[in-house]
Amino acid sequence: MTQDDAALVERVLSGDKSAFGPLIDRHWPKALSLALRSLGNLADAEDAVQDAFVQALLGLPSLRKTSRFGPWLCGIVLNLCRMHKRAQRNGRVLEGGGYPEVGVWGDL
């Protein structure tokens, strides 16, 4: 039986960190497509998506509507992409070549 996003998020919030794996599996393709369209480079897009999932896991307690995990994650991905492009445009290299942390919203 496949659990919906809300049920998986609730499991993660209850301490079952293994429930985050299915969320990654479910949302990785769309998040990667979004990042790739924004950045135009597969390596940068993969880095952005990986960082977005880390930030999502860390910020999960701030997600007020657990059923909105997908759109919330996409917002994190887009913000990371914007920040990366802005840093490139301004000639800055981010420490470690990674992506800065962005604020995580409770609702979208």
C-alpha atoms as a PDB file:
ATOM      1  CA  MET A   1       0.000   0.000   0.000  1.00  0.00           C
ATOM      2  CA  THR A   2       1.339   3.424  -0.972  1.00  0.00           C
ATOM      3  CA  GLN A   3       1.052   6.123   1.662  1.00  0.00           C
ATOM      4  CA  ASP A   4       0.249   9.680   0.698  1.00  0.00           C
ATOM      5  CA  ASP A   5       2.641  12.529   1.415  1.00  0.00           C
ATOM      6  CA  ALA A   6       0.790  13.643   4.533  1.00  0.00           C
ATOM      7  CA  ALA A   7       1.044  10.191   6.126  1.00  0.00           C
ATOM      8  CA  LEU A   8       4.751   9.923   5.286  1.00  0.00           C
ATOM      9  CA  VAL A   9       5.458  13.412   6.642  1.00  0.00           C
ATOM     10  CA  GLU A  10       3.601  12.561   9.849  1.00  0.00           C
ATOM     11  CA  ARG A  11       5.696   9.394  10.223  1.00  0.00           C
ATOM     12  CA  VAL A  12       8.919  11.379   9.787  1.00  0.00           C
ATOM     13  CA  LEU A  13       7.755  13.952  12.328  1.00  0.00           C
ATOM     14  CA  SER A  14       6.980  11.111  14.734  1.00  0.00           C
ATOM     15  CA  GLY A  15      10.579   9.934  14.535  1.00  0.00           C
ATOM     16  CA  ASP A  16      10.468   7.406  11.682  1.00  0.00           C
ATOM     17  CA  LYS A  17      13.218   8.920   9.519  1.00  0.00           C
ATOM     18  CA  SER A  18      13.000   5.960   7.101  1.00  0.00           C
ATOM     19  CA  ALA A  19       9.654   7.377   5.921  1.00  0.00           C
ATOM     20  CA  PHE A  20      11.573  10.210   4.247  1.00  0.00           C
ATOM     21  CA  GLY A  21      12.976   7.774   1.655  1.00  0.00           C
ATOM     22  CA  PRO A  22       9.638   7.288  -0.124  1.00  0.00           C
ATOM     23  CA  LEU A  23       9.174  11.074  -0.226  1.00  0.00           C
ATOM     24  CA  ILE A  24      12.553  11.373  -1.948  1.00  0.00           C
ATOM     25  CA  ASP A  25      11.694   8.596  -4.395  1.00  0.00           C
ATOM     26  CA  ARG A  26       8.326  10.170  -5.180  1.00  0.00           C
ATOM     27  CA  HIS A  27       9.447  13.785  -5.604  1.00  0.00           C
ATOM     28  CA  TRP A  28      13.027  13.511  -6.914  1.00  0.00           C
ATOM     29  CA  PRO A  29      12.087  13.326 -10.635  1.00  0.00           C
ATOM     30  CA  LYS A  30       9.888  16.431 -10.569  1.00  0.00           C
ATOM     31  CA  ALA A  31      12.338  18.367  -8.395  1.00  0.00           C
ATOM     32  CA  LEU A  32      15.220  17.451 -10.705  1.00  0.00           C
ATOM     33  CA  SER A  33      13.250  18.460 -13.796  1.00  0.00           C
ATOM     34  CA  LEU A  34      12.427  21.808 -12.212  1.00  0.00           C
ATOM     35  CA  ALA A  35      16.037  22.450 -11.207  1.00  0.00           C
ATOM     36  CA  LEU A  36      17.356  21.372 -14.592  1.00  0.00           C
ATOM     37  CA  ARG A  37      14.991  23.747 -16.393  1.00  0.00           C
ATOM     38  CA  SER A  38      16.098  26.554 -14.124  1.00  0.00           C
ATOM     39  CA  LEU A  39      19.844  25.918 -14.102  1.00  0.00           C
ATOM     40  CA  GLY A  40      20.431  24.181 -17.437  1.00  0.00           C
ATOM     41  CA  ASN A  41      23.167  21.985 -16.011  1.00  0.00           C
ATOM     42  CA  LEU A  42      22.584  18.456 -14.722  1.00  0.00           C
ATOM     43  CA  ALA A  43      25.312  18.522 -12.075  1.00  0.00           C
ATOM     44  CA  ASP A  44      24.108  21.836 -10.639  1.00  0.00           C
ATOM     45  CA  ALA A  45      20.491  20.639 -10.764  1.00  0.00           C
ATOM     46  CA  GLU A  46      21.331  17.429  -8.892  1.00  0.00           C
ATOM     47  CA  ASP A  47      23.218  19.425  -6.239  1.00  0.00           C
ATOM     48  CA  ALA A  48      20.281  21.802  -5.837  1.00  0.00           C
ATOM     49  CA  VAL A  49      17.794  18.953  -5.444  1.00  0.00           C
ATOM     50  CA  GLN A  50      19.973  17.128  -2.944  1.00  0.00           C
ATOM     51  CA  ASP A  51      20.365  20.310  -0.889  1.00  0.00           C
ATOM     52  CA  ALA A  52      16.620  20.950  -1.133  1.00  0.00           C
ATOM     53  CA  PHE A  53      15.820  17.542   0.329  1.00  0.00           C
ATOM     54  CA  VAL A  54      18.258  18.102   3.190  1.00  0.00           C
ATOM     55  CA  GLN A  55      16.676  21.473   3.912  1.00  0.00           C
ATOM     56  CA  ALA A  56      13.209  19.954   3.638  1.00  0.00           C
ATOM     57  CA  LEU A  57      14.076  17.247   6.156  1.00  0.00           C
ATOM     58  CA  LEU A  58      15.514  19.791   8.569  1.00  0.00           C
ATOM     59  CA  GLY A  59      12.603  22.185   8.070  1.00  0.00           C
ATOM     60  CA  LEU A  60       9.827  19.600   8.107  1.00  0.00           C
ATOM     61  CA  PRO A  61       8.524  20.683  11.538  1.00  0.00           C
ATOM     62  CA  SER A  62       7.663  24.084  10.035  1.00  0.00           C
ATOM     63  CA  LEU A  63       5.436  22.563   7.321  1.00  0.00           C
ATOM     64  CA  ARG A  64       1.910  23.330   8.524  1.00  0.00           C
ATOM     65  CA  LYS A  65      -0.004  21.462   5.806  1.00  0.00           C
ATOM     66  CA  THR A  66       1.625  18.065   5.541  1.00  0.00           C
ATOM     67  CA  SER A  67      -0.320  17.297   2.365  1.00  0.00           C
ATOM     68  CA  ARG A  68       1.550  20.174   0.636  1.00  0.00           C
ATOM     69  CA  PHE A  69       4.999  18.578   0.869  1.00  0.00           C
ATOM     70  CA  GLY A  70       5.491  18.448  -2.933  1.00  0.00           C
ATOM     71  CA  PRO A  71       4.740  22.105  -3.652  1.00  0.00           C
ATOM     72  CA  TRP A  72       6.704  23.152  -0.563  1.00  0.00           C
ATOM     73  CA  LEU A  73       9.729  21.168  -1.754  1.00  0.00           C
ATOM     74  CA  CYS A  74       9.452  22.687  -5.242  1.00  0.00           C
ATOM     75  CA  GLY A  75       9.523  26.135  -3.655  1.00  0.00           C
ATOM     76  CA  ILE A  76      12.733  25.237  -1.833  1.00  0.00           C
ATOM     77  CA  VAL A  77      14.253  23.923  -5.086  1.00  0.00           C
ATOM     78  CA  LEU A  78      13.337  27.099  -6.970  1.00  0.00           C
ATOM     79  CA  ASN A  79      14.740  29.342  -4.245  1.00  0.00           C
ATOM     80  CA  LEU A  80      18.013  27.421  -4.239  1.00  0.00           C
ATOM     81  CA  CYS A  81      18.218  27.720  -8.028  1.00  0.00           C
ATOM     82  CA  ARG A  82      17.537  31.463  -7.895  1.00  0.00           C
ATOM     83  CA  MET A  83      20.191  31.950  -5.240  1.00  0.00           C
ATOM     84  CA  HIS A  84      22.693  29.908  -7.243  1.00  0.00           C
ATOM     85  CA  LYS A  85      22.039  31.918 -10.412  1.00  0.00           C
ATOM     86  CA  ARG A  86      22.240  35.190  -8.478  1.00  0.00           C
ATOM     87  CA  ALA A  87      25.578  34.167  -6.969  1.00  0.00           C
ATOM     88  CA  GLN A  88      26.918  33.245 -10.420  1.00  0.00           C
ATOM     89  CA  ARG A  89      25.660  36.500 -11.907  1.00  0.00           C
ATOM     90  CA  ASN A  90      27.376  38.481  -9.149  1.00  0.00           C
ATOM     91  CA  GLY A  91      30.616  36.551  -9.665  1.00  0.00           C
ATOM     92  CA  ARG A  92      30.492  34.899  -6.276  1.00  0.00           C
ATOM     93  CA  VAL A  93      31.399  31.310  -5.673  1.00  0.00           C
ATOM     94  CA  LEU A  94      29.475  29.774  -2.836  1.00  0.00           C
ATOM     95  CA  GLU A  95      31.568  28.117  -0.152  1.00  0.00           C
ATOM     96  CA  GLY A  96      32.159  24.504  -1.076  1.00  0.00           C
ATOM     97  CA  GLY A  97      30.435  25.092  -4.410  1.00  0.00           C
ATOM     98  CA  GLY A  98      27.142  24.306  -2.727  1.00  0.00           C
ATOM     99  CA  TYR A  99      23.902  26.110  -2.279  1.00  0.00           C
ATOM    100  CA  PRO A 100      23.005  28.532   0.496  1.00  0.00           C
ATOM    101  CA  GLU A 101      20.320  27.684   2.979  1.00  0.00           C
ATOM    102  CA  VAL A 102      16.992  29.264   2.254  1.00  0.00           C
ATOM    103  CA  GLY A 103      14.160  30.050   4.569  1.00  0.00           C
ATOM    104  CA  VAL A 104      11.633  27.260   4.766  1.00  0.00           C
ATOM    105  CA  TRP A 105       7.986  28.229   4.636  1.00  0.00           C
ATOM    106  CA  GLY A 106       5.243  26.603   6.631  1.00  0.00           C
ATOM    107  CA  ASP A 107       2.670  27.052   3.882  1.00  0.00           C
ATOM    108  CA  LEU A 108       2.595  27.708   0.185  1.00  0.00           C
END
